[in-house]
Amino acid sequence: MKFGAKPREIWKKPSELNGKFNRLNSKLNRLMVLDHVWTRLVADKEKFWKLTAVKANTLYVSVRLSVARNELIGRREGLIRELNKHFDKPWIEKIEIVKDLGASNE
């Protein structure tokens, strides 16, 4: 710190942090939480279900095999419910399945 410069503000309670973060920071934080929760929820299915994008309230997942696609369709509502538990208000409304271009036609 330079001589005469104003010292950094020290936060004393959590409520002081609310005004300090900008919108981009909060969006990045939500995406990081989503990625972490998704990885934990799908566990061993991660090699078949790849989270590719989030736009508005829709989660886009690429699927490698038709069997994995059918399972994702069956678990879609439960996954949405589990994902939304980790946010202050429900964020994900639907999961769209996109074809994995690198997948073989099995």
N, C-alpha and C. Protein backbone atom coordinates (compact mmCIF):
# COMPACT_ATOMS: atom_id res chain seq x y z
N MET A 1 0.84 -1.17 0.00
CA MET A 1 0.00 0.00 0.00
C MET A 1 0.89 1.25 0.00
N LYS A 2 0.52 2.18 -0.83
CA LYS A 2 1.30 3.42 -0.92
C LYS A 2 1.01 4.32 0.27
N PHE A 3 2.00 5.13 0.57
CA PHE A 3 1.85 6.09 1.66
C PHE A 3 0.69 7.05 1.37
N GLY A 4 -0.21 7.20 2.31
CA GLY A 4 -1.33 8.12 2.16
C GLY A 4 -2.53 7.49 1.48
N ALA A 5 -2.40 6.25 0.99
CA ALA A 5 -3.52 5.59 0.33
C ALA A 5 -4.53 5.12 1.37
N LYS A 6 -5.76 5.08 0.97
CA LYS A 6 -6.83 4.63 1.86
C LYS A 6 -6.67 3.12 2.10
N PRO A 7 -6.69 2.67 3.35
CA PRO A 7 -6.53 1.25 3.62
C PRO A 7 -7.74 0.45 3.11
N ARG A 8 -7.50 -0.83 2.85
CA ARG A 8 -8.58 -1.69 2.40
C ARG A 8 -9.67 -1.79 3.46
N GLU A 9 -10.88 -1.90 3.00
CA GLU A 9 -12.00 -2.05 3.91
C GLU A 9 -12.01 -3.48 4.46
N ILE A 10 -12.20 -3.61 5.74
CA ILE A 10 -12.26 -4.92 6.36
C ILE A 10 -13.72 -5.23 6.67
N TRP A 11 -14.18 -6.39 6.18
CA TRP A 11 -15.56 -6.79 6.42
C TRP A 11 -15.67 -7.42 7.80
N LYS A 12 -16.69 -7.02 8.51
CA LYS A 12 -16.87 -7.51 9.87
C LYS A 12 -18.02 -8.49 10.01
N LYS A 13 -18.96 -8.45 9.09
CA LYS A 13 -20.10 -9.38 9.14
C LYS A 13 -20.53 -9.74 7.72
N PRO A 14 -21.15 -10.90 7.53
CA PRO A 14 -21.52 -11.38 6.20
C PRO A 14 -22.45 -10.45 5.42
N SER A 15 -23.31 -9.73 6.10
CA SER A 15 -24.25 -8.86 5.39
C SER A 15 -23.54 -7.75 4.62
N GLU A 16 -22.31 -7.42 5.02
CA GLU A 16 -21.55 -6.38 4.32
C GLU A 16 -21.05 -6.86 2.95
N LEU A 17 -21.03 -8.16 2.74
CA LEU A 17 -20.54 -8.70 1.48
C LEU A 17 -21.56 -8.60 0.35
N ASN A 18 -22.84 -8.55 0.67
CA ASN A 18 -23.88 -8.55 -0.36
C ASN A 18 -23.69 -7.49 -1.42
N GLY A 19 -23.35 -6.28 -1.06
CA GLY A 19 -23.19 -5.21 -2.03
C GLY A 19 -21.85 -5.23 -2.73
N LYS A 20 -20.94 -6.08 -2.32
CA LYS A 20 -19.58 -6.06 -2.86
C LYS A 20 -19.41 -6.89 -4.13
N PHE A 21 -20.29 -7.85 -4.35
CA PHE A 21 -20.15 -8.72 -5.51
C PHE A 21 -21.00 -8.22 -6.67
N ASN A 22 -20.42 -8.26 -7.85
CA ASN A 22 -21.19 -7.83 -9.01
C ASN A 22 -21.97 -9.01 -9.61
N ARG A 23 -22.77 -8.73 -10.59
CA ARG A 23 -23.63 -9.77 -11.19
C ARG A 23 -22.82 -10.88 -11.84
N LEU A 24 -21.72 -10.55 -12.49
CA LEU A 24 -20.90 -11.57 -13.13
C LEU A 24 -20.36 -12.56 -12.11
N ASN A 25 -19.92 -12.04 -10.98
CA ASN A 25 -19.42 -12.90 -9.92
C ASN A 25 -20.50 -13.87 -9.44
N SER A 26 -21.71 -13.38 -9.25
CA SER A 26 -22.77 -14.25 -8.77
C SER A 26 -23.14 -15.30 -9.82
N LYS A 27 -23.10 -14.93 -11.10
CA LYS A 27 -23.39 -15.91 -12.15
C LYS A 27 -22.31 -16.98 -12.21
N LEU A 28 -21.06 -16.56 -12.08
CA LEU A 28 -19.97 -17.53 -12.08
C LEU A 28 -20.06 -18.46 -10.87
N ASN A 29 -20.43 -17.92 -9.73
CA ASN A 29 -20.59 -18.74 -8.54
C ASN A 29 -21.70 -19.77 -8.73
N ARG A 30 -22.81 -19.35 -9.33
CA ARG A 30 -23.91 -20.30 -9.59
C ARG A 30 -23.46 -21.40 -10.53
N LEU A 31 -22.70 -21.04 -11.56
CA LEU A 31 -22.22 -22.05 -12.50
C LEU A 31 -21.25 -23.03 -11.84
N MET A 32 -20.40 -22.52 -10.97
CA MET A 32 -19.48 -23.41 -10.27
C MET A 32 -20.23 -24.37 -9.34
N VAL A 33 -21.24 -23.86 -8.65
CA VAL A 33 -22.05 -24.72 -7.78
C VAL A 33 -22.79 -25.75 -8.63
N LEU A 34 -23.36 -25.31 -9.75
CA LEU A 34 -24.07 -26.23 -10.64
C LEU A 34 -23.15 -27.34 -11.13
N ASP A 35 -21.96 -26.98 -11.57
CA ASP A 35 -21.01 -27.98 -12.07
C ASP A 35 -20.66 -28.98 -10.98
N HIS A 36 -20.40 -28.50 -9.78
CA HIS A 36 -20.03 -29.38 -8.67
C HIS A 36 -21.19 -30.31 -8.30
N VAL A 37 -22.39 -29.76 -8.18
CA VAL A 37 -23.55 -30.57 -7.80
C VAL A 37 -23.87 -31.58 -8.89
N TRP A 38 -23.79 -31.16 -10.15
CA TRP A 38 -24.06 -32.07 -11.27
C TRP A 38 -23.10 -33.26 -11.22
N THR A 39 -21.83 -32.99 -11.01
CA THR A 39 -20.82 -34.05 -10.95
C THR A 39 -21.13 -35.03 -9.83
N ARG A 40 -21.55 -34.53 -8.70
CA ARG A 40 -21.87 -35.41 -7.57
C ARG A 40 -23.16 -36.18 -7.81
N LEU A 41 -24.15 -35.56 -8.43
CA LEU A 41 -25.44 -36.23 -8.67
C LEU A 41 -25.33 -37.37 -9.68
N VAL A 42 -24.63 -37.11 -10.78
CA VAL A 42 -24.60 -38.12 -11.84
C VAL A 42 -23.52 -39.17 -11.61
N ALA A 43 -22.54 -38.88 -10.80
CA ALA A 43 -21.47 -39.82 -10.40
C ALA A 43 -20.94 -40.63 -11.58
N ASP A 44 -21.23 -41.92 -11.61
CA ASP A 44 -20.68 -42.80 -12.64
C ASP A 44 -21.31 -42.60 -14.02
N LYS A 45 -22.40 -41.88 -14.09
CA LYS A 45 -23.05 -41.61 -15.39
C LYS A 45 -22.37 -40.46 -16.13
N GLU A 46 -21.41 -39.82 -15.47
CA GLU A 46 -20.76 -38.65 -16.06
C GLU A 46 -20.07 -38.97 -17.39
N LYS A 47 -19.64 -40.20 -17.58
CA LYS A 47 -19.00 -40.53 -18.85
C LYS A 47 -20.01 -40.63 -19.99
N PHE A 48 -21.31 -40.71 -19.65
CA PHE A 48 -22.35 -40.77 -20.68
C PHE A 48 -23.14 -39.47 -20.79
N TRP A 49 -23.25 -38.73 -19.68
CA TRP A 49 -24.00 -37.47 -19.64
C TRP A 49 -23.02 -36.34 -19.41
N LYS A 50 -22.90 -35.46 -20.38
CA LYS A 50 -21.98 -34.34 -20.25
C LYS A 50 -22.76 -33.03 -20.24
N LEU A 51 -22.58 -32.27 -19.18
CA LEU A 51 -23.20 -30.96 -19.07
C LEU A 51 -22.51 -30.03 -20.07
N THR A 52 -23.26 -29.55 -21.07
CA THR A 52 -22.63 -28.77 -22.12
C THR A 52 -22.94 -27.27 -22.05
N ALA A 53 -24.13 -26.90 -21.57
CA ALA A 53 -24.48 -25.48 -21.54
C ALA A 53 -25.66 -25.23 -20.62
N VAL A 54 -25.78 -23.97 -20.23
CA VAL A 54 -26.95 -23.50 -19.48
C VAL A 54 -27.38 -22.21 -20.15
N LYS A 55 -28.63 -22.15 -20.54
CA LYS A 55 -29.15 -20.93 -21.14
C LYS A 55 -30.51 -20.65 -20.52
N ALA A 56 -30.64 -19.44 -19.97
CA ALA A 56 -31.84 -19.06 -19.22
C ALA A 56 -32.04 -20.08 -18.11
N ASN A 57 -33.12 -20.82 -18.14
CA ASN A 57 -33.43 -21.81 -17.10
C ASN A 57 -33.33 -23.24 -17.62
N THR A 58 -32.63 -23.42 -18.71
CA THR A 58 -32.53 -24.74 -19.34
C THR A 58 -31.10 -25.26 -19.27
N LEU A 59 -30.99 -26.50 -18.90
CA LEU A 59 -29.70 -27.19 -18.83
C LEU A 59 -29.59 -28.07 -20.08
N TYR A 60 -28.48 -27.96 -20.80
CA TYR A 60 -28.27 -28.76 -22.00
C TYR A 60 -27.24 -29.84 -21.70
N VAL A 61 -27.63 -31.08 -21.96
CA VAL A 61 -26.78 -32.22 -21.65
C VAL A 61 -26.60 -33.04 -22.92
N SER A 62 -25.33 -33.33 -23.26
CA SER A 62 -25.09 -34.21 -24.40
C SER A 62 -25.00 -35.65 -23.86
N VAL A 63 -25.56 -36.56 -24.63
CA VAL A 63 -25.65 -37.95 -24.21
C VAL A 63 -25.00 -38.83 -25.27
N ARG A 64 -24.20 -39.80 -24.83
CA ARG A 64 -23.44 -40.63 -25.76
C ARG A 64 -24.22 -41.82 -26.30
N LEU A 65 -25.02 -42.47 -25.47
CA LEU A 65 -25.71 -43.69 -25.88
C LEU A 65 -27.22 -43.52 -25.72
N SER A 66 -27.96 -44.27 -26.53
CA SER A 66 -29.42 -44.18 -26.44
C SER A 66 -29.93 -44.71 -25.11
N VAL A 67 -29.27 -45.71 -24.55
CA VAL A 67 -29.68 -46.25 -23.25
C VAL A 67 -29.51 -45.18 -22.18
N ALA A 68 -28.38 -44.47 -22.23
CA ALA A 68 -28.13 -43.39 -21.27
C ALA A 68 -29.13 -42.25 -21.47
N ARG A 69 -29.52 -42.02 -22.71
CA ARG A 69 -30.52 -41.00 -23.02
C ARG A 69 -31.85 -41.35 -22.36
N ASN A 70 -32.26 -42.61 -22.49
CA ASN A 70 -33.52 -43.06 -21.89
C ASN A 70 -33.49 -42.93 -20.37
N GLU A 71 -32.36 -43.26 -19.77
CA GLU A 71 -32.24 -43.13 -18.32
C GLU A 71 -32.31 -41.67 -17.88
N LEU A 72 -31.67 -40.79 -18.64
CA LEU A 72 -31.72 -39.36 -18.33
C LEU A 72 -33.15 -38.84 -18.44
N ILE A 73 -33.88 -39.28 -19.44
CA ILE A 73 -35.28 -38.87 -19.59
C ILE A 73 -36.08 -39.30 -18.36
N GLY A 74 -35.81 -40.51 -17.87
CA GLY A 74 -36.52 -41.01 -16.69
C GLY A 74 -36.15 -40.27 -15.41
N ARG A 75 -34.91 -39.83 -15.30
CA ARG A 75 -34.43 -39.16 -14.08
C ARG A 75 -34.49 -37.64 -14.15
N ARG A 76 -34.96 -37.12 -15.26
CA ARG A 76 -34.94 -35.67 -15.51
C ARG A 76 -35.57 -34.85 -14.39
N GLU A 77 -36.79 -35.17 -14.00
CA GLU A 77 -37.49 -34.39 -12.97
C GLU A 77 -36.78 -34.47 -11.62
N GLY A 78 -36.31 -35.64 -11.26
CA GLY A 78 -35.59 -35.79 -9.99
C GLY A 78 -34.29 -35.00 -9.98
N LEU A 79 -33.58 -35.00 -11.10
CA LEU A 79 -32.34 -34.23 -11.20
C LEU A 79 -32.60 -32.73 -11.07
N ILE A 80 -33.64 -32.26 -11.70
CA ILE A 80 -33.99 -30.84 -11.62
C ILE A 80 -34.29 -30.47 -10.16
N ARG A 81 -35.08 -31.31 -9.51
CA ARG A 81 -35.42 -31.06 -8.11
C ARG A 81 -34.17 -31.04 -7.22
N GLU A 82 -33.28 -32.00 -7.42
CA GLU A 82 -32.06 -32.08 -6.62
C GLU A 82 -31.12 -30.89 -6.90
N LEU A 83 -31.01 -30.50 -8.16
CA LEU A 83 -30.15 -29.36 -8.51
C LEU A 83 -30.66 -28.07 -7.87
N ASN A 84 -31.96 -27.86 -7.93
CA ASN A 84 -32.54 -26.61 -7.42
C ASN A 84 -32.46 -26.48 -5.91
N LYS A 85 -32.23 -27.57 -5.20
CA LYS A 85 -32.09 -27.51 -3.75
C LYS A 85 -30.87 -26.69 -3.34
N HIS A 86 -29.91 -26.54 -4.22
CA HIS A 86 -28.66 -25.89 -3.89
C HIS A 86 -28.62 -24.40 -4.23
N PHE A 87 -29.76 -23.86 -4.63
CA PHE A 87 -29.83 -22.44 -4.97
C PHE A 87 -30.92 -21.78 -4.14
N ASP A 88 -30.77 -20.47 -3.91
CA ASP A 88 -31.73 -19.77 -3.06
C ASP A 88 -33.13 -19.75 -3.66
N LYS A 89 -33.24 -19.73 -4.97
CA LYS A 89 -34.55 -19.86 -5.63
C LYS A 89 -34.37 -20.81 -6.80
N PRO A 90 -35.42 -21.55 -7.17
CA PRO A 90 -35.30 -22.53 -8.27
C PRO A 90 -34.78 -21.87 -9.54
N TRP A 91 -33.77 -22.50 -10.13
CA TRP A 91 -33.12 -21.93 -11.31
C TRP A 91 -33.37 -22.80 -12.54
N ILE A 92 -33.14 -24.08 -12.43
CA ILE A 92 -33.27 -24.99 -13.57
C ILE A 92 -34.72 -25.43 -13.69
N GLU A 93 -35.32 -25.19 -14.86
CA GLU A 93 -36.70 -25.59 -15.10
C GLU A 93 -36.81 -26.82 -15.98
N LYS A 94 -35.83 -27.00 -16.88
CA LYS A 94 -35.89 -28.19 -17.73
C LYS A 94 -34.49 -28.59 -18.19
N ILE A 95 -34.41 -29.85 -18.57
CA ILE A 95 -33.16 -30.40 -19.10
C ILE A 95 -33.41 -30.82 -20.54
N GLU A 96 -32.64 -30.25 -21.45
CA GLU A 96 -32.73 -30.61 -22.87
C GLU A 96 -31.58 -31.54 -23.21
N ILE A 97 -31.87 -32.53 -24.00
CA ILE A 97 -30.85 -33.49 -24.40
C ILE A 97 -30.39 -33.15 -25.81
N VAL A 98 -29.07 -33.01 -25.97
CA VAL A 98 -28.50 -32.75 -27.28
C VAL A 98 -27.65 -33.94 -27.67
N LYS A 99 -27.56 -34.20 -28.94
CA LYS A 99 -26.80 -35.35 -29.42
C LYS A 99 -25.31 -35.06 -29.30
N ASP A 100 -24.58 -36.04 -28.80
CA ASP A 100 -23.13 -35.95 -28.68
C ASP A 100 -22.54 -36.26 -30.05
N LEU A 101 -21.92 -35.27 -30.69
CA LEU A 101 -21.40 -35.46 -32.04
C LEU A 101 -20.23 -36.44 -32.09
N GLY A 102 -19.53 -36.62 -30.98
CA GLY A 102 -18.39 -37.53 -30.96
C GLY A 102 -18.79 -38.96 -30.64
N ALA A 103 -20.07 -39.21 -30.44
CA ALA A 103 -20.52 -40.54 -30.05
C ALA A 103 -20.70 -41.45 -31.25
N SER A 104 -20.52 -42.71 -31.00
CA SER A 104 -20.78 -43.69 -32.06
C SER A 104 -22.25 -44.02 -32.06
N ASN A 105 -22.74 -44.59 -33.13
CA ASN A 105 -24.15 -44.92 -33.25
C ASN A 105 -24.42 -46.32 -32.71
N GLU A 106 -24.31 -46.49 -31.41
CA GLU A 106 -24.55 -47.78 -30.78
C GLU A 106 -25.97 -47.88 -30.34
